[in-house]
Amino acid sequence: MALHLIKLCVGCQSPEELEQWIELRLAEKRRLGHPVEQLHSTRMVPKRVDELLDGGSLYWVMRGGITCRQRLLDIRPFVDGEGVGRCHLVLEPTVIRTEWAPRRAFQGWRYLPTDDAPADASDSGTAELPDSLRRELAELGLL
């Protein structure tokens, strides 16, 4: 069974902003002739790599709740220029909207069991709704 990660999305307030940021970063990599893949760097290296790469995703928390996810393609440990161990999470650049699920702020990433992960918004027919409306409806208990 797949295992997921959950992490705060710092700097983006919505899945739309995240998509724009991804497009900009990938365009810059193309322009510079670098490999065109989305990498997210993190300090700690997950130990349960096999489970994460067996269909796992990185779920993003924005403005107090899980709003979207990206499929994990690879996990690559590395040592930065200062000798600190880190890792690159290689993500599929497609952002998949999820049902809004409240989450408090936390540092770093956490494992997220499949049973605790919110469903994709496409499964409930709410994917076309703006993120802010999905969030409001969820807070009111209507989703």
N, C-alpha and C. Protein backbone atom coordinates (compact mmCIF):
# COMPACT_ATOMS: atom_id res chain seq x y z
N MET A 1 0.84 -1.18 0.00
CA MET A 1 0.00 0.00 0.00
C MET A 1 0.88 1.24 0.00
N ALA A 2 0.48 2.24 -0.76
CA ALA A 2 1.27 3.47 -0.88
C ALA A 2 1.27 4.26 0.43
N LEU A 3 2.34 4.97 0.64
CA LEU A 3 2.49 5.88 1.75
C LEU A 3 2.74 7.26 1.15
N HIS A 4 2.29 8.30 1.80
CA HIS A 4 2.42 9.66 1.26
C HIS A 4 3.22 10.53 2.23
N LEU A 5 3.58 11.71 1.75
CA LEU A 5 4.18 12.75 2.58
C LEU A 5 3.23 13.93 2.61
N ILE A 6 3.31 14.72 3.67
CA ILE A 6 2.54 15.95 3.78
C ILE A 6 3.51 17.05 4.19
N LYS A 7 3.36 18.23 3.57
CA LYS A 7 4.31 19.32 3.82
C LYS A 7 3.61 20.66 3.60
N LEU A 8 4.03 21.67 4.36
CA LEU A 8 3.52 23.02 4.14
C LEU A 8 4.08 23.55 2.83
N CYS A 9 3.25 24.23 2.08
CA CYS A 9 3.67 24.85 0.82
C CYS A 9 3.94 26.32 1.12
N VAL A 10 5.19 26.64 1.36
CA VAL A 10 5.57 28.00 1.73
C VAL A 10 5.71 28.84 0.46
N GLY A 11 5.05 29.99 0.45
CA GLY A 11 5.16 30.90 -0.69
C GLY A 11 4.02 30.82 -1.68
N CYS A 12 3.20 29.81 -1.59
CA CYS A 12 2.03 29.69 -2.47
C CYS A 12 0.77 29.65 -1.60
N GLN A 13 -0.22 30.41 -2.01
CA GLN A 13 -1.48 30.47 -1.26
C GLN A 13 -2.57 29.59 -1.86
N SER A 14 -2.33 29.06 -3.07
CA SER A 14 -3.36 28.26 -3.73
C SER A 14 -2.71 27.29 -4.71
N PRO A 15 -3.44 26.25 -5.11
CA PRO A 15 -2.92 25.34 -6.13
C PRO A 15 -2.60 26.07 -7.44
N GLU A 16 -3.38 27.09 -7.75
CA GLU A 16 -3.12 27.86 -8.98
C GLU A 16 -1.76 28.55 -8.92
N GLU A 17 -1.43 29.13 -7.78
CA GLU A 17 -0.11 29.75 -7.61
C GLU A 17 1.00 28.71 -7.73
N LEU A 18 0.79 27.53 -7.15
CA LEU A 18 1.77 26.46 -7.23
C LEU A 18 1.98 26.05 -8.69
N GLU A 19 0.91 25.93 -9.44
CA GLU A 19 1.03 25.58 -10.87
C GLU A 19 1.82 26.62 -11.63
N GLN A 20 1.57 27.90 -11.36
CA GLN A 20 2.32 28.97 -12.02
C GLN A 20 3.80 28.91 -11.66
N TRP A 21 4.09 28.67 -10.40
CA TRP A 21 5.47 28.59 -9.94
C TRP A 21 6.19 27.43 -10.64
N ILE A 22 5.51 26.28 -10.73
CA ILE A 22 6.09 25.10 -11.40
C ILE A 22 6.39 25.43 -12.86
N GLU A 23 5.44 26.05 -13.54
CA GLU A 23 5.64 26.41 -14.96
C GLU A 23 6.85 27.31 -15.13
N LEU A 24 6.99 28.32 -14.25
CA LEU A 24 8.14 29.23 -14.33
C LEU A 24 9.47 28.50 -14.12
N ARG A 25 9.51 27.65 -13.11
CA ARG A 25 10.74 26.91 -12.80
C ARG A 25 11.12 25.97 -13.94
N LEU A 26 10.14 25.25 -14.51
CA LEU A 26 10.44 24.32 -15.59
C LEU A 26 10.86 25.07 -16.85
N ALA A 27 10.24 26.22 -17.12
CA ALA A 27 10.63 27.03 -18.28
C ALA A 27 12.07 27.52 -18.12
N GLU A 28 12.44 27.91 -16.91
CA GLU A 28 13.80 28.36 -16.65
C GLU A 28 14.80 27.22 -16.87
N LYS A 29 14.46 26.02 -16.43
CA LYS A 29 15.34 24.86 -16.64
C LYS A 29 15.50 24.57 -18.12
N ARG A 30 14.40 24.65 -18.88
CA ARG A 30 14.49 24.44 -20.34
C ARG A 30 15.43 25.47 -20.96
N ARG A 31 15.24 26.73 -20.56
CA ARG A 31 16.05 27.83 -21.11
C ARG A 31 17.54 27.63 -20.83
N LEU A 32 17.85 27.12 -19.65
CA LEU A 32 19.25 26.91 -19.26
C LEU A 32 19.81 25.57 -19.73
N GLY A 33 18.96 24.73 -20.31
CA GLY A 33 19.42 23.42 -20.78
C GLY A 33 19.61 22.40 -19.67
N HIS A 34 18.98 22.64 -18.53
CA HIS A 34 19.05 21.69 -17.41
C HIS A 34 17.98 20.62 -17.58
N PRO A 35 18.13 19.49 -16.90
CA PRO A 35 17.06 18.48 -16.95
C PRO A 35 15.73 19.10 -16.50
N VAL A 36 14.69 18.84 -17.25
CA VAL A 36 13.38 19.43 -16.95
C VAL A 36 12.60 18.48 -16.05
N GLU A 37 12.80 18.68 -14.75
CA GLU A 37 12.07 17.92 -13.75
C GLU A 37 11.86 18.81 -12.54
N GLN A 38 10.78 18.57 -11.83
CA GLN A 38 10.50 19.37 -10.65
C GLN A 38 11.11 18.71 -9.43
N LEU A 39 11.98 19.46 -8.78
CA LEU A 39 12.63 18.97 -7.56
C LEU A 39 12.20 19.84 -6.38
N HIS A 40 11.95 19.21 -5.28
CA HIS A 40 11.70 19.93 -4.04
C HIS A 40 12.74 19.44 -3.03
N SER A 41 13.55 20.35 -2.51
CA SER A 41 14.61 19.97 -1.56
C SER A 41 14.07 20.00 -0.14
N THR A 42 14.52 19.03 0.63
CA THR A 42 14.13 18.96 2.03
C THR A 42 15.33 18.47 2.84
N ARG A 43 15.36 18.84 4.10
CA ARG A 43 16.51 18.53 4.96
C ARG A 43 16.58 17.05 5.32
N MET A 44 15.46 16.48 5.69
CA MET A 44 15.46 15.10 6.15
C MET A 44 15.15 14.14 5.00
N VAL A 45 15.83 13.01 4.99
CA VAL A 45 15.61 12.00 3.96
C VAL A 45 14.63 10.96 4.51
N PRO A 46 13.52 10.73 3.82
CA PRO A 46 12.58 9.70 4.30
C PRO A 46 13.24 8.33 4.33
N LYS A 47 12.91 7.54 5.31
CA LYS A 47 13.46 6.20 5.43
C LYS A 47 12.58 5.15 4.73
N ARG A 48 11.32 5.48 4.51
CA ARG A 48 10.37 4.52 3.93
C ARG A 48 10.20 4.77 2.43
N VAL A 49 11.32 4.86 1.74
CA VAL A 49 11.36 5.23 0.32
C VAL A 49 10.55 4.26 -0.54
N ASP A 50 10.70 2.97 -0.33
CA ASP A 50 9.99 1.99 -1.17
C ASP A 50 8.48 2.19 -1.09
N GLU A 51 7.97 2.43 0.10
CA GLU A 51 6.53 2.64 0.26
C GLU A 51 6.08 3.94 -0.40
N LEU A 52 6.90 4.98 -0.28
CA LEU A 52 6.56 6.28 -0.87
C LEU A 52 6.55 6.22 -2.39
N LEU A 53 7.47 5.46 -2.96
CA LEU A 53 7.56 5.39 -4.42
C LEU A 53 6.62 4.35 -5.02
N ASP A 54 5.84 3.70 -4.18
CA ASP A 54 4.85 2.73 -4.64
C ASP A 54 3.48 3.41 -4.80
N GLY A 55 3.48 4.53 -5.54
CA GLY A 55 2.23 5.25 -5.78
C GLY A 55 1.98 6.40 -4.82
N GLY A 56 2.98 6.80 -4.04
CA GLY A 56 2.80 7.87 -3.07
C GLY A 56 2.81 9.25 -3.69
N SER A 57 2.31 10.21 -2.93
CA SER A 57 2.25 11.61 -3.35
C SER A 57 2.73 12.51 -2.24
N LEU A 58 3.07 13.74 -2.61
CA LEU A 58 3.35 14.79 -1.64
C LEU A 58 2.09 15.65 -1.57
N TYR A 59 1.44 15.67 -0.40
CA TYR A 59 0.24 16.47 -0.18
C TYR A 59 0.66 17.83 0.35
N TRP A 60 0.16 18.89 -0.26
CA TRP A 60 0.53 20.25 0.10
C TRP A 60 -0.52 20.88 1.02
N VAL A 61 -0.05 21.48 2.11
CA VAL A 61 -0.90 22.23 3.03
C VAL A 61 -0.73 23.71 2.69
N MET A 62 -1.85 24.37 2.37
CA MET A 62 -1.85 25.80 2.06
C MET A 62 -2.98 26.46 2.85
N ARG A 63 -2.66 27.54 3.51
CA ARG A 63 -3.66 28.33 4.24
C ARG A 63 -4.51 27.48 5.18
N GLY A 64 -3.85 26.61 5.92
CA GLY A 64 -4.53 25.86 6.97
C GLY A 64 -5.19 24.56 6.56
N GLY A 65 -4.93 24.09 5.34
CA GLY A 65 -5.54 22.83 4.94
C GLY A 65 -4.85 22.20 3.75
N ILE A 66 -5.02 20.89 3.62
CA ILE A 66 -4.51 20.19 2.44
C ILE A 66 -5.39 20.61 1.27
N THR A 67 -4.76 21.01 0.17
CA THR A 67 -5.52 21.47 -0.99
C THR A 67 -5.20 20.70 -2.26
N CYS A 68 -4.01 20.11 -2.33
CA CYS A 68 -3.61 19.45 -3.56
C CYS A 68 -2.46 18.48 -3.28
N ARG A 69 -2.11 17.74 -4.32
CA ARG A 69 -1.01 16.79 -4.18
C ARG A 69 -0.26 16.68 -5.50
N GLN A 70 0.94 16.15 -5.41
CA GLN A 70 1.75 15.82 -6.58
C GLN A 70 2.34 14.44 -6.37
N ARG A 71 2.34 13.64 -7.41
CA ARG A 71 2.85 12.28 -7.33
C ARG A 71 4.37 12.30 -7.15
N LEU A 72 4.87 11.46 -6.25
CA LEU A 72 6.31 11.30 -6.04
C LEU A 72 6.88 10.37 -7.11
N LEU A 73 7.92 10.82 -7.81
CA LEU A 73 8.54 10.00 -8.84
C LEU A 73 9.85 9.39 -8.36
N ASP A 74 10.56 10.11 -7.50
CA ASP A 74 11.85 9.62 -7.01
C ASP A 74 12.24 10.39 -5.76
N ILE A 75 13.14 9.82 -4.99
CA ILE A 75 13.70 10.47 -3.81
C ILE A 75 15.21 10.31 -3.92
N ARG A 76 15.93 11.44 -3.99
CA ARG A 76 17.37 11.43 -4.22
C ARG A 76 18.13 12.14 -3.10
N PRO A 77 18.74 11.37 -2.21
CA PRO A 77 19.57 11.99 -1.17
C PRO A 77 20.81 12.65 -1.80
N PHE A 78 21.27 13.75 -1.19
CA PHE A 78 22.50 14.41 -1.64
C PHE A 78 23.09 15.18 -0.47
N VAL A 79 24.31 15.62 -0.63
CA VAL A 79 24.99 16.45 0.36
C VAL A 79 25.19 17.82 -0.26
N ASP A 80 24.73 18.86 0.43
CA ASP A 80 24.84 20.21 -0.13
C ASP A 80 26.25 20.75 -0.01
N GLY A 81 26.47 21.96 -0.48
CA GLY A 81 27.80 22.57 -0.49
C GLY A 81 28.40 22.79 0.88
N GLU A 82 27.58 22.77 1.92
CA GLU A 82 28.06 22.95 3.29
C GLU A 82 28.22 21.62 4.01
N GLY A 83 28.07 20.52 3.29
CA GLY A 83 28.25 19.20 3.87
C GLY A 83 27.04 18.66 4.63
N VAL A 84 25.87 19.31 4.43
CA VAL A 84 24.65 18.89 5.11
C VAL A 84 23.88 17.92 4.22
N GLY A 85 23.48 16.79 4.79
CA GLY A 85 22.68 15.82 4.05
C GLY A 85 21.27 16.33 3.82
N ARG A 86 20.81 16.22 2.61
CA ARG A 86 19.47 16.67 2.22
C ARG A 86 18.92 15.67 1.21
N CYS A 87 17.74 15.96 0.70
CA CYS A 87 17.23 15.12 -0.39
C CYS A 87 16.35 15.92 -1.32
N HIS A 88 16.33 15.48 -2.56
CA HIS A 88 15.42 16.03 -3.57
C HIS A 88 14.24 15.09 -3.68
N LEU A 89 13.05 15.63 -3.53
CA LEU A 89 11.84 14.90 -3.87
C LEU A 89 11.55 15.24 -5.32
N VAL A 90 11.55 14.24 -6.18
CA VAL A 90 11.25 14.47 -7.60
C VAL A 90 9.75 14.28 -7.75
N LEU A 91 9.08 15.33 -8.22
CA LEU A 91 7.63 15.35 -8.28
C LEU A 91 7.12 15.42 -9.71
N GLU A 92 6.01 14.74 -9.95
CA GLU A 92 5.33 14.92 -11.23
C GLU A 92 4.81 16.36 -11.24
N PRO A 93 5.05 17.12 -12.30
CA PRO A 93 4.67 18.54 -12.28
C PRO A 93 3.17 18.81 -12.34
N THR A 94 2.36 17.79 -12.43
CA THR A 94 0.90 17.96 -12.44
C THR A 94 0.38 18.10 -11.02
N VAL A 95 -0.37 19.17 -10.78
CA VAL A 95 -0.97 19.42 -9.47
C VAL A 95 -2.39 18.86 -9.49
N ILE A 96 -2.68 17.96 -8.57
CA ILE A 96 -3.99 17.31 -8.48
C ILE A 96 -4.73 17.89 -7.28
N ARG A 97 -5.88 18.53 -7.54
CA ARG A 97 -6.69 19.09 -6.45
C ARG A 97 -7.24 17.97 -5.58
N THR A 98 -7.28 18.23 -4.29
CA THR A 98 -7.87 17.27 -3.35
C THR A 98 -9.02 17.95 -2.62
N GLU A 99 -9.79 17.16 -1.93
CA GLU A 99 -10.78 17.73 -1.02
C GLU A 99 -10.01 18.52 0.03
N TRP A 100 -10.54 19.65 0.46
CA TRP A 100 -9.88 20.45 1.47
C TRP A 100 -9.97 19.73 2.80
N ALA A 101 -8.84 19.59 3.48
CA ALA A 101 -8.79 18.93 4.78
C ALA A 101 -7.95 19.78 5.73
N PRO A 102 -8.50 20.23 6.85
CA PRO A 102 -7.77 21.13 7.75
C PRO A 102 -6.51 20.48 8.33
N ARG A 103 -5.45 21.28 8.42
CA ARG A 103 -4.20 20.84 9.05
C ARG A 103 -3.54 22.03 9.71
N ARG A 104 -3.02 21.83 10.90
CA ARG A 104 -2.27 22.88 11.61
C ARG A 104 -0.87 22.98 11.01
N ALA A 105 -0.24 24.11 11.24
CA ALA A 105 1.12 24.32 10.77
C ALA A 105 2.09 23.38 11.49
N PHE A 106 3.12 22.96 10.80
CA PHE A 106 4.16 22.11 11.36
C PHE A 106 5.42 22.34 10.54
N GLN A 107 6.54 21.90 11.04
CA GLN A 107 7.81 22.07 10.34
C GLN A 107 8.17 20.78 9.62
N GLY A 108 8.85 20.93 8.49
CA GLY A 108 9.33 19.77 7.75
C GLY A 108 8.20 19.02 7.08
N TRP A 109 8.38 17.74 6.91
CA TRP A 109 7.35 16.89 6.31
C TRP A 109 6.96 15.82 7.31
N ARG A 110 5.85 15.18 7.06
CA ARG A 110 5.38 14.06 7.87
C ARG A 110 4.90 12.97 6.93
N TYR A 111 4.93 11.74 7.41
CA TYR A 111 4.30 10.65 6.66
C TYR A 111 2.79 10.82 6.75
N LEU A 112 2.09 10.47 5.69
CA LEU A 112 0.64 10.53 5.65
C LEU A 112 0.11 9.20 5.14
N PRO A 113 -0.46 8.38 6.03
CA PRO A 113 -1.00 7.10 5.58
C PRO A 113 -2.14 7.31 4.56
N THR A 114 -2.29 6.38 3.66
CA THR A 114 -3.32 6.48 2.62
C THR A 114 -4.70 6.67 3.23
N ASP A 115 -4.99 5.99 4.32
CA ASP A 115 -6.31 6.11 4.96
C ASP A 115 -6.60 7.51 5.49
N ASP A 116 -5.55 8.29 5.77
CA ASP A 116 -5.72 9.65 6.30
C ASP A 116 -5.67 10.72 5.21
N ALA A 117 -5.34 10.34 3.99
CA ALA A 117 -5.21 11.30 2.89
C ALA A 117 -6.59 11.67 2.33
N PRO A 118 -6.80 12.96 2.05
CA PRO A 118 -8.09 13.35 1.48
C PRO A 118 -8.25 12.82 0.05
N ALA A 119 -9.48 12.63 -0.35
CA ALA A 119 -9.77 12.15 -1.71
C ALA A 119 -9.46 13.25 -2.72
N ASP A 120 -9.22 12.84 -3.94
CA ASP A 120 -9.05 13.81 -5.02
C ASP A 120 -10.38 14.51 -5.26
N ALA A 121 -10.31 15.79 -5.58
CA ALA A 121 -11.53 16.56 -5.83
C ALA A 121 -12.27 16.03 -7.05
N SER A 122 -11.56 15.45 -7.99
CA SER A 122 -12.23 14.90 -9.18
C SER A 122 -13.13 13.73 -8.82
N ASP A 123 -12.82 13.04 -7.72
CA ASP A 123 -13.65 11.91 -7.29
C ASP A 123 -15.01 12.37 -6.78
N SER A 124 -15.08 13.60 -6.27
CA SER A 124 -16.34 14.09 -5.72
C SER A 124 -17.02 15.09 -6.65
N GLY A 125 -16.39 15.38 -7.78
CA GLY A 125 -16.99 16.31 -8.73
C GLY A 125 -16.79 17.77 -8.37
N THR A 126 -15.87 18.08 -7.45
CA THR A 126 -15.65 19.48 -7.06
C THR A 126 -14.37 20.07 -7.64
N ALA A 127 -13.69 19.35 -8.52
CA ALA A 127 -12.40 19.79 -9.03
C ALA A 127 -12.49 21.11 -9.79
N GLU A 128 -13.63 21.39 -10.40
CA GLU A 128 -13.78 22.62 -11.19
C GLU A 128 -14.06 23.85 -10.32
N LEU A 129 -14.40 23.64 -9.07
CA LEU A 129 -14.67 24.76 -8.18
C LEU A 129 -13.36 25.43 -7.78
N PRO A 130 -13.36 26.75 -7.63
CA PRO A 130 -12.15 27.43 -7.14
C PRO A 130 -11.77 26.91 -5.75
N ASP A 131 -10.47 26.91 -5.48
CA ASP A 131 -9.97 26.41 -4.20
C ASP A 131 -10.64 27.11 -3.02
N SER A 132 -10.81 28.42 -3.10
CA SER A 132 -11.40 29.17 -1.99
C SER A 132 -12.84 28.72 -1.73
N LEU A 133 -13.60 28.42 -2.78
CA LEU A 133 -14.98 27.96 -2.60
C LEU A 133 -15.02 26.55 -2.02
N ARG A 134 -14.13 25.65 -2.51
CA ARG A 134 -14.08 24.30 -1.94
C ARG A 134 -13.76 24.37 -0.46
N ARG A 135 -12.83 25.25 -0.10
CA ARG A 135 -12.45 25.39 1.30
C ARG A 135 -13.63 25.88 2.15
N GLU A 136 -14.33 26.91 1.67
CA GLU A 136 -15.48 27.43 2.41
C GLU A 136 -16.56 26.38 2.60
N LEU A 137 -16.86 25.66 1.53
CA LEU A 137 -17.88 24.61 1.61
C LEU A 137 -17.47 23.52 2.60
N ALA A 138 -16.18 23.16 2.58
CA ALA A 138 -15.70 22.14 3.51
C ALA A 138 -15.80 22.62 4.96
N GLU A 139 -15.44 23.89 5.19
CA GLU A 139 -15.52 24.45 6.55
C GLU A 139 -16.96 24.50 7.06
N LEU A 140 -17.91 24.68 6.14
CA LEU A 140 -19.32 24.71 6.52
C LEU A 140 -19.92 23.31 6.65
N GLY A 141 -19.12 22.30 6.31
CA GLY A 141 -19.58 20.93 6.41
C GLY A 141 -20.45 20.50 5.24
N LEU A 142 -20.36 21.23 4.15
CA LEU A 142 -21.18 20.92 2.99
C LEU A 142 -20.46 20.01 1.99
N LEU A 143 -19.21 19.75 2.19
CA LEU A 143 -18.45 18.82 1.35
C LEU A 143 -17.89 17.71 2.20
